[in-house]
Amino acid sequence: MTEVTSVRTQEINSVRSNALAAIAVQREFGSLSNYLWTYVDHQPIISNWRNEGQIPSQTNLSKKISKDLKKKGFKFVGPVTIYSFMQAIGLVDDHVANCSCHTKNRLCNSE
């Protein structure tokens, strides 16, 4: 088996194990969303970065969530991947402060 084939096999197997782990989390917390939002007390973390260079690729919280997900049987959930996911689902608002998509600017623009 080639190295590429081996990696692909691991990735495919991880899809199944992640699905099973997600089902277990759903049973315990009601949903994967409920589980993840407990880490931020159901309130997004609003950052106030001045420039994109300040935005981290991972945080202590993403490391903590990554470690917990791995304990629960998830694969391919490193802290950088988890931090990106946290940004994508809104747990963290990492838009720079003057961006129109930053939470404070969206709230001001909606009034």
PDB file of N, CA and C in Angstrom:
ATOM      1  N   MET A   1       0.859  -1.185   0.000  1.00  0.00           N
ATOM      2  CA  MET A   1       0.000   0.000   0.000  1.00  0.00           C
ATOM      3  C   MET A   1       0.897   1.238   0.000  1.00  0.00           C
ATOM      4  N   THR A   2       0.601   2.187  -0.846  1.00  0.00           N
ATOM      5  CA  THR A   2       1.402   3.403  -0.908  1.00  0.00           C
ATOM      6  C   THR A   2       1.043   4.324   0.247  1.00  0.00           C
ATOM      7  N   GLU A   3       1.910   5.290   0.496  1.00  0.00           N
ATOM      8  CA  GLU A   3       1.679   6.246   1.575  1.00  0.00           C
ATOM      9  C   GLU A   3       0.403   7.049   1.336  1.00  0.00           C
ATOM     10  N   VAL A   4       0.167   7.458   0.100  1.00  0.00           N
ATOM     11  CA  VAL A   4      -1.034   8.230  -0.243  1.00  0.00           C
ATOM     12  C   VAL A   4      -2.286   7.396   0.014  1.00  0.00           C
ATOM     13  N   THR A   5      -2.264   6.143  -0.397  1.00  0.00           N
ATOM     14  CA  THR A   5      -3.404   5.257  -0.174  1.00  0.00           C
ATOM     15  C   THR A   5      -3.646   5.059   1.312  1.00  0.00           C
ATOM     16  N   SER A   6      -2.572   4.927   2.070  1.00  0.00           N
ATOM     17  CA  SER A   6      -2.687   4.749   3.515  1.00  0.00           C
ATOM     18  C   SER A   6      -3.331   5.962   4.179  1.00  0.00           C
ATOM     19  N   VAL A   7      -2.919   7.153   3.761  1.00  0.00           N
ATOM     20  CA  VAL A   7      -3.506   8.378   4.312  1.00  0.00           C
ATOM     21  C   VAL A   7      -4.980   8.461   3.941  1.00  0.00           C
ATOM     22  N   ARG A   8      -5.310   8.165   2.703  1.00  0.00           N
ATOM     23  CA  ARG A   8      -6.714   8.200   2.264  1.00  0.00           C
ATOM     24  C   ARG A   8      -7.555   7.206   3.068  1.00  0.00           C
ATOM     25  N   THR A   9      -7.017   6.038   3.319  1.00  0.00           N
ATOM     26  CA  THR A   9      -7.734   5.033   4.112  1.00  0.00           C
ATOM     27  C   THR A   9      -7.976   5.556   5.525  1.00  0.00           C
ATOM     28  N   GLN A  10      -6.979   6.210   6.127  1.00  0.00           N
ATOM     29  CA  GLN A  10      -7.138   6.794   7.455  1.00  0.00           C
ATOM     30  C   GLN A  10      -8.217   7.873   7.444  1.00  0.00           C
ATOM     31  N   GLU A  11      -8.214   8.698   6.416  1.00  0.00           N
ATOM     32  CA  GLU A  11      -9.211   9.758   6.311  1.00  0.00           C
ATOM     33  C   GLU A  11     -10.612   9.181   6.171  1.00  0.00           C
ATOM     34  N   ILE A  12     -10.757   8.174   5.357  1.00  0.00           N
ATOM     35  CA  ILE A  12     -12.065   7.536   5.165  1.00  0.00           C
ATOM     36  C   ILE A  12     -12.529   6.882   6.460  1.00  0.00           C
ATOM     37  N   ASN A  13     -11.624   6.190   7.138  1.00  0.00           N
ATOM     38  CA  ASN A  13     -11.984   5.570   8.415  1.00  0.00           C
ATOM     39  C   ASN A  13     -12.343   6.613   9.462  1.00  0.00           C
ATOM     40  N   SER A  14     -11.697   7.783   9.385  1.00  0.00           N
ATOM     41  CA  SER A  14     -11.999   8.833  10.357  1.00  0.00           C
ATOM     42  C   SER A  14     -13.410   9.387  10.166  1.00  0.00           C
ATOM     43  N   VAL A  15     -13.909   9.380   8.940  1.00  0.00           N
ATOM     44  CA  VAL A  15     -15.279   9.845   8.693  1.00  0.00           C
ATOM     45  C   VAL A  15     -16.259   8.989   9.483  1.00  0.00           C
ATOM     46  N   ARG A  16     -16.051   7.684   9.450  1.00  0.00           N
ATOM     47  CA  ARG A  16     -16.930   6.771  10.191  1.00  0.00           C
ATOM     48  C   ARG A  16     -16.783   6.971  11.703  1.00  0.00           C
ATOM     49  N   SER A  17     -15.547   7.027  12.187  1.00  0.00           N
ATOM     50  CA  SER A  17     -15.345   7.186  13.629  1.00  0.00           C
ATOM     51  C   SER A  17     -15.853   8.546  14.109  1.00  0.00           C
ATOM     52  N   ASN A  18     -15.697   9.589  13.293  1.00  0.00           N
ATOM     53  CA  ASN A  18     -16.225  10.901  13.676  1.00  0.00           C
ATOM     54  C   ASN A  18     -17.749  10.895  13.716  1.00  0.00           C
ATOM     55  N   ALA A  19     -18.363  10.183  12.788  1.00  0.00           N
ATOM     56  CA  ALA A  19     -19.832  10.087  12.787  1.00  0.00           C
ATOM     57  C   ALA A  19     -20.314   9.381  14.046  1.00  0.00           C
ATOM     58  N   LEU A  20     -19.651   8.311  14.410  1.00  0.00           N
ATOM     59  CA  LEU A  20     -20.026   7.585  15.632  1.00  0.00           C
ATOM     60  C   LEU A  20     -19.798   8.447  16.873  1.00  0.00           C
ATOM     61  N   ALA A  21     -18.691   9.176  16.897  1.00  0.00           N
ATOM     62  CA  ALA A  21     -18.410  10.058  18.029  1.00  0.00           C
ATOM     63  C   ALA A  21     -19.446  11.180  18.097  1.00  0.00           C
ATOM     64  N   ALA A  22     -19.847  11.711  16.940  1.00  0.00           N
ATOM     65  CA  ALA A  22     -20.867  12.773  16.911  1.00  0.00           C
ATOM     66  C   ALA A  22     -22.198  12.268  17.437  1.00  0.00           C
ATOM     67  N   ILE A  23     -22.543  11.043  17.100  1.00  0.00           N
ATOM     68  CA  ILE A  23     -23.787  10.451  17.609  1.00  0.00           C
ATOM     69  C   ILE A  23     -23.728  10.340  19.123  1.00  0.00           C
ATOM     70  N   ALA A  24     -22.581   9.927  19.654  1.00  0.00           N
ATOM     71  CA  ALA A  24     -22.422   9.815  21.113  1.00  0.00           C
ATOM     72  C   ALA A  24     -22.546  11.185  21.782  1.00  0.00           C
ATOM     73  N   VAL A  25     -21.958  12.217  21.172  1.00  0.00           N
ATOM     74  CA  VAL A  25     -22.060  13.577  21.711  1.00  0.00           C
ATOM     75  C   VAL A  25     -23.512  14.039  21.664  1.00  0.00           C
ATOM     76  N   GLN A  26     -24.211  13.750  20.573  1.00  0.00           N
ATOM     77  CA  GLN A  26     -25.625  14.123  20.461  1.00  0.00           C
ATOM     78  C   GLN A  26     -26.455  13.468  21.560  1.00  0.00           C
ATOM     79  N   ARG A  27     -26.176  12.222  21.845  1.00  0.00           N
ATOM     80  CA  ARG A  27     -26.910  11.526  22.909  1.00  0.00           C
ATOM     81  C   ARG A  27     -26.650  12.160  24.270  1.00  0.00           C
ATOM     82  N   GLU A  28     -25.420  12.568  24.494  1.00  0.00           N
ATOM     83  CA  GLU A  28     -25.046  13.139  25.793  1.00  0.00           C
ATOM     84  C   GLU A  28     -25.494  14.586  25.962  1.00  0.00           C
ATOM     85  N   PHE A  29     -25.378  15.397  24.894  1.00  0.00           N
ATOM     86  CA  PHE A  29     -25.633  16.834  25.001  1.00  0.00           C
ATOM     87  C   PHE A  29     -26.871  17.315  24.249  1.00  0.00           C
ATOM     88  N   GLY A  30     -27.512  16.432  23.491  1.00  0.00           N
ATOM     89  CA  GLY A  30     -28.668  16.820  22.699  1.00  0.00           C
ATOM     90  C   GLY A  30     -28.304  17.189  21.269  1.00  0.00           C
ATOM     91  N   SER A  31     -27.130  17.772  21.096  1.00  0.00           N
ATOM     92  CA  SER A  31     -26.631  18.095  19.763  1.00  0.00           C
ATOM     93  C   SER A  31     -25.147  18.434  19.861  1.00  0.00           C
ATOM     94  N   LEU A  32     -24.479  18.369  18.744  1.00  0.00           N
ATOM     95  CA  LEU A  32     -23.076  18.774  18.690  1.00  0.00           C
ATOM     96  C   LEU A  32     -22.971  20.273  18.965  1.00  0.00           C
ATOM     97  N   SER A  33     -23.949  21.025  18.506  1.00  0.00           N
ATOM     98  CA  SER A  33     -23.991  22.465  18.750  1.00  0.00           C
ATOM     99  C   SER A  33     -24.030  22.761  20.248  1.00  0.00           C
ATOM    100  N   ASN A  34     -24.926  22.107  20.977  1.00  0.00           N
ATOM    101  CA  ASN A  34     -25.013  22.324  22.427  1.00  0.00           C
ATOM    102  C   ASN A  34     -23.685  22.035  23.107  1.00  0.00           C
ATOM    103  N   TYR A  35     -23.063  20.943  22.705  1.00  0.00           N
ATOM    104  CA  TYR A  35     -21.763  20.569  23.268  1.00  0.00           C
ATOM    105  C   TYR A  35     -20.732  21.671  23.043  1.00  0.00           C
ATOM    106  N   LEU A  36     -20.601  22.139  21.806  1.00  0.00           N
ATOM    107  CA  LEU A  36     -19.581  23.138  21.493  1.00  0.00           C
ATOM    108  C   LEU A  36     -19.858  24.480  22.164  1.00  0.00           C
ATOM    109  N   TRP A  37     -21.106  24.910  22.188  1.00  0.00           N
ATOM    110  CA  TRP A  37     -21.436  26.209  22.770  1.00  0.00           C
ATOM    111  C   TRP A  37     -21.250  26.234  24.278  1.00  0.00           C
ATOM    112  N   THR A  38     -21.220  25.079  24.948  1.00  0.00           N
ATOM    113  CA  THR A  38     -20.968  25.075  26.399  1.00  0.00           C
ATOM    114  C   THR A  38     -19.567  25.608  26.710  1.00  0.00           C
ATOM    115  N   TYR A  39     -18.649  25.481  25.762  1.00  0.00           N
ATOM    116  CA  TYR A  39     -17.292  25.967  25.976  1.00  0.00           C
ATOM    117  C   TYR A  39     -17.213  27.484  26.057  1.00  0.00           C
ATOM    118  N   VAL A  40     -18.181  28.181  25.528  1.00  0.00           N
ATOM    119  CA  VAL A  40     -18.193  29.649  25.538  1.00  0.00           C
ATOM    120  C   VAL A  40     -19.428  30.186  26.262  1.00  0.00           C
ATOM    121  N   ASP A  41     -20.008  29.360  27.130  1.00  0.00           N
ATOM    122  CA  ASP A  41     -21.214  29.743  27.876  1.00  0.00           C
ATOM    123  C   ASP A  41     -22.320  30.266  26.965  1.00  0.00           C
ATOM    124  N   HIS A  42     -22.425  29.680  25.790  1.00  0.00           N
ATOM    125  CA  HIS A  42     -23.461  29.999  24.808  1.00  0.00           C
ATOM    126  C   HIS A  42     -23.437  31.457  24.341  1.00  0.00           C
ATOM    127  N   GLN A  43     -22.261  32.097  24.471  1.00  0.00           N
ATOM    128  CA  GLN A  43     -22.063  33.472  23.992  1.00  0.00           C
ATOM    129  C   GLN A  43     -20.790  33.494  23.152  1.00  0.00           C
ATOM    130  N   PRO A  44     -20.827  34.072  21.954  1.00  0.00           N
ATOM    131  CA  PRO A  44     -19.615  34.100  21.133  1.00  0.00           C
ATOM    132  C   PRO A  44     -18.514  34.945  21.773  1.00  0.00           C
ATOM    133  N   ILE A  45     -17.297  34.552  21.497  1.00  0.00           N
ATOM    134  CA  ILE A  45     -16.137  35.331  21.920  1.00  0.00           C
ATOM    135  C   ILE A  45     -15.918  36.404  20.856  1.00  0.00           C
ATOM    136  N   ILE A  46     -16.005  37.657  21.254  1.00  0.00           N
ATOM    137  CA  ILE A  46     -15.859  38.772  20.316  1.00  0.00           C
ATOM    138  C   ILE A  46     -14.451  39.352  20.496  1.00  0.00           C
ATOM    139  N   SER A  47     -13.624  39.184  19.491  1.00  0.00           N
ATOM    140  CA  SER A  47     -12.266  39.721  19.527  1.00  0.00           C
ATOM    141  C   SER A  47     -12.260  41.139  18.973  1.00  0.00           C
ATOM    142  N   ASN A  48     -11.241  41.877  19.286  1.00  0.00           N
ATOM    143  CA  ASN A  48     -11.107  43.253  18.794  1.00  0.00           C
ATOM    144  C   ASN A  48      -9.722  43.452  18.195  1.00  0.00           C
ATOM    145  N   TRP A  49      -9.377  42.621  17.240  1.00  0.00           N
ATOM    146  CA  TRP A  49      -8.077  42.719  16.594  1.00  0.00           C
ATOM    147  C   TRP A  49      -8.007  43.979  15.736  1.00  0.00           C
ATOM    148  N   ARG A  50      -6.846  44.598  15.697  1.00  0.00           N
ATOM    149  CA  ARG A  50      -6.646  45.798  14.876  1.00  0.00           C
ATOM    150  C   ARG A  50      -6.220  45.437  13.453  1.00  0.00           C
ATOM    151  N   ASN A  51      -5.533  44.284  13.315  1.00  0.00           N
ATOM    152  CA  ASN A  51      -5.133  43.856  11.979  1.00  0.00           C
ATOM    153  C   ASN A  51      -5.116  42.331  11.922  1.00  0.00           C
ATOM    154  N   GLU A  52      -5.151  41.797  10.725  1.00  0.00           N
ATOM    155  CA  GLU A  52      -5.254  40.350  10.534  1.00  0.00           C
ATOM    156  C   GLU A  52      -4.056  39.601  11.090  1.00  0.00           C
ATOM    157  N   GLY A  53      -2.911  40.248  11.170  1.00  0.00           N
ATOM    158  CA  GLY A  53      -1.718  39.605  11.707  1.00  0.00           C
ATOM    159  C   GLY A  53      -1.829  39.251  13.175  1.00  0.00           C
ATOM    160  N   GLN A  54      -2.766  39.863  13.880  1.00  0.00           N
ATOM    161  CA  GLN A  54      -2.959  39.573  15.301  1.00  0.00           C
ATOM    162  C   GLN A  54      -3.821  38.330  15.531  1.00  0.00           C
ATOM    163  N   ILE A  55      -4.561  37.906  14.535  1.00  0.00           N
ATOM    164  CA  ILE A  55      -5.493  36.790  14.695  1.00  0.00           C
ATOM    165  C   ILE A  55      -4.703  35.487  14.826  1.00  0.00           C
ATOM    166  N   PRO A  56      -4.921  34.755  15.913  1.00  0.00           N
ATOM    167  CA  PRO A  56      -4.154  33.518  16.124  1.00  0.00           C
ATOM    168  C   PRO A  56      -4.667  32.374  15.250  1.00  0.00           C
ATOM    169  N   SER A  57      -3.829  31.376  15.074  1.00  0.00           N
ATOM    170  CA  SER A  57      -4.253  30.182  14.335  1.00  0.00           C
ATOM    171  C   SER A  57      -4.848  29.139  15.278  1.00  0.00           C
ATOM    172  N   GLN A  58      -4.570  29.296  16.568  1.00  0.00           N
ATOM    173  CA  GLN A  58      -5.130  28.414  17.586  1.00  0.00           C
ATOM    174  C   GLN A  58      -5.083  29.148  18.921  1.00  0.00           C
ATOM    175  N   THR A  59      -5.880  28.686  19.853  1.00  0.00           N
ATOM    176  CA  THR A  59      -5.922  29.301  21.177  1.00  0.00           C
ATOM    177  C   THR A  59      -5.923  28.194  22.229  1.00  0.00           C
ATOM    178  N   ASN A  60      -5.806  28.592  23.477  1.00  0.00           N
ATOM    179  CA  ASN A  60      -5.899  27.604  24.553  1.00  0.00           C
ATOM    180  C   ASN A  60      -7.245  26.894  24.519  1.00  0.00           C
ATOM    181  N   LEU A  61      -8.297  27.645  24.177  1.00  0.00           N
ATOM    182  CA  LEU A  61      -9.623  27.038  24.105  1.00  0.00           C
ATOM    183  C   LEU A  61      -9.705  26.019  22.967  1.00  0.00           C
ATOM    184  N   SER A  62      -9.147  26.339  21.802  1.00  0.00           N
ATOM    185  CA  SER A  62      -9.195  25.373  20.698  1.00  0.00           C
ATOM    186  C   SER A  62      -8.361  24.135  21.043  1.00  0.00           C
ATOM    187  N   LYS A  63      -7.292  24.318  21.798  1.00  0.00           N
ATOM    188  CA  LYS A  63      -6.494  23.172  22.256  1.00  0.00           C
ATOM    189  C   LYS A  63      -7.309  22.309  23.209  1.00  0.00           C
ATOM    190  N   LYS A  64      -8.048  22.950  24.103  1.00  0.00           N
ATOM    191  CA  LYS A  64      -8.877  22.228  25.072  1.00  0.00           C
ATOM    192  C   LYS A  64      -9.983  21.437  24.368  1.00  0.00           C
ATOM    193  N   ILE A  65     -10.678  22.089  23.436  1.00  0.00           N
ATOM    194  CA  ILE A  65     -11.748  21.420  22.697  1.00  0.00           C
ATOM    195  C   ILE A  65     -11.174  20.277  21.869  1.00  0.00           C
ATOM    196  N   SER A  66     -10.054  20.512  21.208  1.00  0.00           N
ATOM    197  CA  SER A  66      -9.400  19.475  20.409  1.00  0.00           C
ATOM    198  C   SER A  66      -9.084  18.251  21.261  1.00  0.00           C
ATOM    199  N   LYS A  67      -8.513  18.493  22.415  1.00  0.00           N
ATOM    200  CA  LYS A  67      -8.149  17.397  23.318  1.00  0.00           C
ATOM    201  C   LYS A  67      -9.398  16.617  23.757  1.00  0.00           C
ATOM    202  N   ASP A  68     -10.458  17.335  24.072  1.00  0.00           N
ATOM    203  CA  ASP A  68     -11.694  16.684  24.501  1.00  0.00           C
ATOM    204  C   ASP A  68     -12.329  15.891  23.355  1.00  0.00           C
ATOM    205  N   LEU A  69     -12.337  16.466  22.156  1.00  0.00           N
ATOM    206  CA  LEU A  69     -12.895  15.753  20.997  1.00  0.00           C
ATOM    207  C   LEU A  69     -12.119  14.463  20.728  1.00  0.00           C
ATOM    208  N   LYS A  70     -10.801  14.530  20.856  1.00  0.00           N
ATOM    209  CA  LYS A  70      -9.982  13.332  20.649  1.00  0.00           C
ATOM    210  C   LYS A  70     -10.313  12.266  21.686  1.00  0.00           C
ATOM    211  N   LYS A  71     -10.530  12.682  22.939  1.00  0.00           N
ATOM    212  CA  LYS A  71     -10.932  11.735  23.993  1.00  0.00           C
ATOM    213  C   LYS A  71     -12.270  11.087  23.661  1.00  0.00           C
ATOM    214  N   LYS A  72     -13.120  11.834  22.978  1.00  0.00           N
ATOM    215  CA  LYS A  72     -14.443  11.321  22.616  1.00  0.00           C
ATOM    216  C   LYS A  72     -14.403  10.472  21.347  1.00  0.00           C
ATOM    217  N   GLY A  73     -13.219  10.325  20.741  1.00  0.00           N
ATOM    218  CA  GLY A  73     -13.071   9.454  19.587  1.00  0.00           C
ATOM    219  C   GLY A  73     -13.001  10.139  18.235  1.00  0.00           C
ATOM    220  N   PHE A  74     -13.000  11.471  18.211  1.00  0.00           N
ATOM    221  CA  PHE A  74     -12.900  12.192  16.942  1.00  0.00           C
ATOM    222  C   PHE A  74     -11.470  12.132  16.424  1.00  0.00           C
ATOM    223  N   LYS A  75     -11.333  12.155  15.118  1.00  0.00           N
ATOM    224  CA  LYS A  75     -10.031  12.138  14.444  1.00  0.00           C
ATOM    225  C   LYS A  75      -9.878  13.399  13.600  1.00  0.00           C
ATOM    226  N   PHE A  76      -8.649  13.783  13.314  1.00  0.00           N
ATOM    227  CA  PHE A  76      -8.342  14.956  12.485  1.00  0.00           C
ATOM    228  C   PHE A  76      -8.977  16.219  13.062  1.00  0.00           C
ATOM    229  N   VAL A  77      -8.862  16.398  14.363  1.00  0.00           N
ATOM    230  CA  VAL A  77      -9.445  17.558  15.041  1.00  0.00           C
ATOM    231  C   VAL A  77      -8.374  18.286  15.860  1.00  0.00           C
ATOM    232  N   GLY A  78      -7.299  18.661  15.192  1.00  0.00           N
ATOM    233  CA  GLY A  78      -6.238  19.396  15.870  1.00  0.00           C
ATOM    234  C   GLY A  78      -6.692  20.799  16.242  1.00  0.00           C
ATOM    235  N   PRO A  79      -5.930  21.491  17.089  1.00  0.00           N
ATOM    236  CA  PRO A  79      -6.342  22.813  17.575  1.00  0.00           C
ATOM    237  C   PRO A  79      -6.478  23.881  16.489  1.00  0.00           C
ATOM    238  N   VAL A  80      -5.687  23.803  15.427  1.00  0.00           N
ATOM    239  CA  VAL A  80      -5.822  24.785  14.341  1.00  0.00           C
ATOM    240  C   VAL A  80      -7.123  24.538  13.581  1.00  0.00           C
ATOM    241  N   THR A  81      -7.390  23.277  13.284  1.00  0.00           N
ATOM    242  CA  THR A  81      -8.647  22.913  12.610  1.00  0.00           C
ATOM    243  C   THR A  81      -9.840  23.331  13.464  1.00  0.00           C
ATOM    244  N   ILE A  82      -9.761  23.059  14.755  1.00  0.00           N
ATOM    245  CA  ILE A  82     -10.873  23.403  15.653  1.00  0.00           C
ATOM    246  C   ILE A  82     -11.054  24.914  15.739  1.00  0.00           C
ATOM    247  N   TYR A  83      -9.952  25.676  15.777  1.00  0.00           N
ATOM    248  CA  TYR A  83     -10.107  27.130  15.840  1.00  0.00           C
ATOM    249  C   TYR A  83     -10.758  27.667  14.574  1.00  0.00           C
ATOM    250  N   SER A  84     -10.372  27.127  13.446  1.00  0.00           N
ATOM    251  CA  SER A  84     -11.012  27.530  12.184  1.00  0.00           C
ATOM    252  C   SER A  84     -12.496  27.197  12.214  1.00  0.00           C
ATOM    253  N   PHE A  85     -12.824  26.038  12.739  1.00  0.00           N
ATOM    254  CA  PHE A  85     -14.225  25.621  12.859  1.00  0.00           C
ATOM    255  C   PHE A  85     -14.972  26.558  13.813  1.00  0.00           C
ATOM    256  N   MET A  86     -14.339  26.914  14.926  1.00  0.00           N
ATOM    257  CA  MET A  86     -14.959  27.845  15.877  1.00  0.00           C
ATOM    258  C   MET A  86     -15.284  29.174  15.203  1.00  0.00           C
ATOM    259  N   GLN A  87     -14.382  29.641  14.346  1.00  0.00           N
ATOM    260  CA  GLN A  87     -14.625  30.882  13.604  1.00  0.00           C
ATOM    261  C   GLN A  87     -15.786  30.694  12.624  1.00  0.00           C
ATOM    262  N   ALA A  88     -15.785  29.571  11.937  1.00  0.00           N
ATOM    263  CA  ALA A  88     -16.788  29.327  10.891  1.00  0.00           C
ATOM    264  C   ALA A  88     -18.195  29.222  11.450  1.00  0.00           C
ATOM    265  N   ILE A  89     -18.332  28.651  12.645  1.00  0.00           N
ATOM    266  CA  ILE A  89     -19.677  28.457  13.198  1.00  0.00           C
ATOM    267  C   ILE A  89     -20.100  29.575  14.142  1.00  0.00           C
ATOM    268  N   GLY A  90     -19.225  30.574  14.330  1.00  0.00           N
ATOM    269  CA  GLY A  90     -19.609  31.743  15.111  1.00  0.00           C
ATOM    270  C   GLY A  90     -19.290  31.692  16.584  1.00  0.00           C
ATOM    271  N   LEU A  91     -18.577  30.689  17.056  1.00  0.00           N
ATOM    272  CA  LEU A  91     -18.167  30.680  18.456  1.00  0.00           C
ATOM    273  C   LEU A  91     -17.200  31.817  18.737  1.00  0.00           C
ATOM    274  N   VAL A  92     -16.448  32.200  17.703  1.00  0.00           N
ATOM    275  CA  VAL A  92     -15.459  33.270  17.803  1.00  0.00           C
ATOM    276  C   VAL A  92     -15.688  34.245  16.651  1.00  0.00           C
ATOM    277  N   ASP A  93     -15.707  35.536  16.978  1.00  0.00           N
ATOM    278  CA  ASP A  93     -15.751  36.567  15.944  1.00  0.00           C
ATOM    279  C   ASP A  93     -14.350  37.154  15.872  1.00  0.00           C
ATOM    280  N   ASP A  94     -13.603  36.752  14.867  1.00  0.00           N
ATOM    281  CA  ASP A  94     -12.229  37.218  14.700  1.00  0.00           C
ATOM    282  C   ASP A  94     -12.089  38.221  13.567  1.00  0.00           C
ATOM    283  N   HIS A  95     -13.173  38.864  13.176  1.00  0.00           N
ATOM    284  CA  HIS A  95     -13.056  39.932  12.184  1.00  0.00           C
ATOM    285  C   HIS A  95     -12.300  41.087  12.832  1.00  0.00           C
ATOM    286  N   VAL A  96     -11.472  41.768  12.064  1.00  0.00           N
ATOM    287  CA  VAL A  96     -10.787  42.936  12.622  1.00  0.00           C
ATOM    288  C   VAL A  96     -11.841  43.975  13.012  1.00  0.00           C
ATOM    289  N   ALA A  97     -11.505  44.786  13.990  1.00  0.00           N
ATOM    290  CA  ALA A  97     -12.495  45.692  14.590  1.00  0.00           C
ATOM    291  C   ALA A  97     -13.161  46.638  13.602  1.00  0.00           C
ATOM    292  N   ASN A  98     -12.456  47.049  12.541  1.00  0.00           N
ATOM    293  CA  ASN A  98     -13.061  47.992  11.593  1.00  0.00           C
ATOM    294  C   ASN A  98     -13.760  47.303  10.417  1.00  0.00           C
ATOM    295  N   CYS A  99     -13.844  45.980  10.449  1.00  0.00           N
ATOM    296  CA  CYS A  99     -14.523  45.222   9.384  1.00  0.00           C
ATOM    297  C   CYS A  99     -16.039  45.342   9.543  1.00  0.00           C
ATOM    298  N   SER A 100     -16.732  45.484   8.439  1.00  0.00           N
ATOM    299  CA  SER A 100     -18.196  45.600   8.500  1.00  0.00           C
ATOM    300  C   SER A 100     -18.853  44.315   8.999  1.00  0.00           C
ATOM    301  N   CYS A 101     -18.138  43.211   8.965  1.00  0.00           N
ATOM    302  CA  CYS A 101     -18.687  41.938   9.445  1.00  0.00           C
ATOM    303  C   CYS A 101     -18.443  41.709  10.928  1.00  0.00           C
ATOM    304  N   HIS A 102     -17.668  42.566  11.571  1.00  0.00           N
ATOM    305  CA  HIS A 102     -17.431  42.430  13.014  1.00  0.00           C
ATOM    306  C   HIS A 102     -18.753  42.635  13.739  1.00  0.00           C
ATOM    307  N   THR A 103     -18.969  41.882  14.794  1.00  0.00           N
ATOM    308  CA  THR A 103     -20.239  41.909  15.515  1.00  0.00           C
ATOM    309  C   THR A 103     -20.668  43.318  15.895  1.00  0.00           C
ATOM    310  N   LYS A 104     -19.768  44.097  16.456  1.00  0.00           N
ATOM    311  CA  LYS A 104     -20.166  45.456  16.886  1.00  0.00           C
ATOM    312  C   LYS A 104     -20.589  46.322  15.713  1.00  0.00           C
ATOM    313  N   ASN A 105     -19.997  46.110  14.537  1.00  0.00           N
ATOM    314  CA  ASN A 105     -20.358  46.903  13.367  1.00  0.00           C
ATOM    315  C   ASN A 105     -21.681  46.423  12.764  1.00  0.00           C
ATOM    316  N   ARG A 106     -21.921  45.130  12.824  1.00  0.00           N
ATOM    317  CA  ARG A 106     -23.208  44.616  12.330  1.00  0.00           C
ATOM    318  C   ARG A 106     -24.331  45.114  13.210  1.00  0.00           C
ATOM    319  N   LEU A 107     -24.111  45.168  14.520  1.00  0.00           N
ATOM    320  CA  LEU A 107     -25.139  45.654  15.435  1.00  0.00           C
ATOM    321  C   LEU A 107     -25.415  47.130  15.190  1.00  0.00           C
ATOM    322  N   CYS A 108     -24.367  47.897  14.957  1.00  0.00           N
ATOM    323  CA  CYS A 108     -24.541  49.332  14.670  1.00  0.00           C
ATOM    324  C   CYS A 108     -25.256  49.556  13.340  1.00  0.00           C
ATOM    325  N   ASN A 109     -24.930  48.750  12.360  1.00  0.00           N
ATOM    326  CA  ASN A 109     -25.522  48.911  11.022  1.00  0.00           C
ATOM    327  C   ASN A 109     -26.968  48.443  10.944  1.00  0.00           C
ATOM    328  N   SER A 110     -27.420  47.660  11.925  1.00  0.00           N
ATOM    329  CA  SER A 110     -28.778  47.131  11.872  1.00  0.00           C
ATOM    330  C   SER A 110     -29.782  48.071  12.546  1.00  0.00           C
ATOM    331  N   GLU A 111     -29.282  49.093  13.193  1.00  0.00           N
ATOM    332  CA  GLU A 111     -30.194  50.018  13.891  1.00  0.00           C
ATOM    333  C   GLU A 111     -30.804  51.019  12.968  1.00  0.00           C
TER     334      GLU A 111
END
